[in-house]
Protein backbone atom coordinates (compact mmCIF):
# COMPACT_ATOMS: atom_id res chain seq x y z
CA MET A 1 -7.83 9.52 58.90
CA ASP A 2 -4.36 9.82 57.51
CA ILE A 3 -4.52 11.82 54.42
CA ASN A 4 -0.78 11.09 53.59
CA GLY A 5 -1.29 7.42 54.07
CA ILE A 6 -4.39 7.43 51.68
CA GLN A 7 -2.44 9.41 49.15
CA GLU A 8 0.58 7.06 49.06
CA ALA A 9 -1.78 4.05 48.97
CA ALA A 10 -3.52 5.35 46.04
CA THR A 11 -0.36 6.37 44.20
CA ARG A 12 1.10 3.04 44.79
CA LYS A 13 -2.00 1.19 43.48
CA LEU A 14 -2.02 3.46 40.43
CA GLU A 15 1.68 2.76 39.78
CA GLU A 16 1.22 -0.88 40.11
CA GLU A 17 -1.78 -0.75 37.57
CA LYS A 18 0.30 1.42 35.21
CA ALA A 19 3.22 -1.13 35.38
CA THR A 20 0.85 -3.96 34.80
CA ARG A 21 -0.63 -2.20 31.67
CA VAL A 22 2.75 -1.22 30.28
CA GLN A 23 3.94 -4.91 30.70
CA ALA A 24 0.80 -6.00 28.98
CA ALA A 25 1.53 -3.64 25.82
CA VAL A 26 5.17 -4.76 26.02
CA ASN A 27 3.96 -8.49 25.92
CA VAL A 28 1.84 -7.67 22.74
CA ALA A 29 4.62 -6.14 20.94
CA GLU A 30 6.96 -8.94 21.62
CA ALA A 31 4.36 -11.62 20.60
CA THR A 32 3.72 -9.49 17.43
CA LYS A 33 7.36 -9.43 16.59
CA LEU A 34 7.76 -13.11 17.05
CA ALA A 35 4.70 -13.84 15.14
CA SER A 36 5.87 -11.65 12.12
CA ARG A 37 9.30 -13.39 12.21
CA LEU A 38 7.86 -16.77 12.32
CA ARG A 39 5.47 -15.98 9.38
CA ASN A 40 8.39 -14.74 7.26
CA ASP A 41 10.36 -18.00 8.31
CA LEU A 42 7.51 -20.03 7.41
CA LYS A 43 7.07 -18.35 3.96
CA GLU A 44 10.93 -18.97 3.34
CA ALA A 45 10.62 -22.44 4.31
CA GLU A 46 7.57 -23.02 2.14
CA LYS A 47 9.61 -21.76 -0.79
CA GLN A 48 12.53 -24.09 -0.05
CA GLU A 49 10.01 -26.95 0.08
CA SER A 50 8.40 -26.19 -3.27
CA ALA A 51 11.69 -25.65 -4.76
CA ALA A 52 12.99 -29.29 -3.43
CA TRP A 53 9.70 -30.75 -4.65
CA ARG A 54 10.02 -29.38 -7.97
CA ALA A 55 13.67 -30.43 -8.22
CA ALA A 56 12.74 -33.96 -7.16
CA LEU A 57 10.28 -34.04 -9.96
CA THR A 58 12.76 -32.53 -12.40
CA SER A 59 15.17 -35.36 -11.31
CA GLY A 60 12.69 -38.07 -12.50
CA TRP A 61 10.51 -38.78 -9.42
CA THR A 62 6.77 -38.67 -9.96
CA GLU A 63 4.44 -37.29 -7.43
CA THR A 64 2.91 -40.75 -6.84
CA GLU A 65 6.37 -42.10 -6.08
CA LEU A 66 7.14 -39.27 -3.54
CA LYS A 67 3.83 -39.70 -1.94
CA SER A 68 4.53 -43.29 -1.48
CA PHE A 69 7.50 -42.37 0.80
CA GLY A 70 5.07 -40.62 3.01
CA LEU A 71 5.78 -37.09 1.44
CA THR A 72 3.22 -34.62 0.85
CA ALA A 73 3.08 -32.09 -1.98
CA PRO A 74 3.83 -28.46 -0.76
CA THR A 75 0.87 -26.34 -0.71
CA LEU A 76 2.80 -23.35 -2.07
CA LYS A 77 3.42 -23.74 -5.84
CA LEU A 78 6.29 -21.83 -7.22
CA GLY A 79 5.53 -19.68 -10.36
CA GLY A 80 5.91 -21.20 -13.78
CA ARG A 81 4.07 -21.34 -17.04
CA PRO A 82 0.33 -21.61 -16.72
CA LYS A 83 -1.48 -24.73 -17.52
CA THR A 84 -3.35 -24.53 -20.77
CA SER A 85 -7.17 -24.69 -20.37
CA THR A 86 -8.73 -27.92 -21.01
CA ARG A 87 -12.15 -26.27 -21.96
CA LYS A 88 -12.93 -26.26 -25.75
CA LYS A 89 -13.34 -22.51 -26.98
CA LEU A 90 -16.70 -22.11 -28.44
CA PRO A 91 -17.11 -20.32 -31.78
CA VAL A 92 -18.09 -16.68 -31.78
CA PRO A 93 -21.48 -16.26 -33.59
CA ALA A 94 -21.31 -14.04 -36.63
CA GLN A 95 -22.67 -10.68 -36.39
CA ASP A 96 -25.44 -9.56 -38.55
CA THR A 97 -24.37 -6.43 -40.50
CA ASN A 98 -27.87 -6.00 -42.43
CA GLU A 99 -29.46 -3.68 -39.73
């Protein structure tokens, strides 16, 4: 039995496993960084899409007309004045003060 040979083989195996694990962690870090950048790019693109949609509506196009061209309304709605409620407010019952 060659003790030095066994030690070298075991060390080589551990170094290969270590390199594989380190590379796996690096791959995760790179993928996470890419996903984060793409999420940020998508948010910016959605803002631009919403702004362009709003500009088209402001310039006189209707949603129906834009959709007839094969366009779809953006999923991201830019801020603005909230819509008024269509629900009727019920009167508040008078309080009995004779108790």
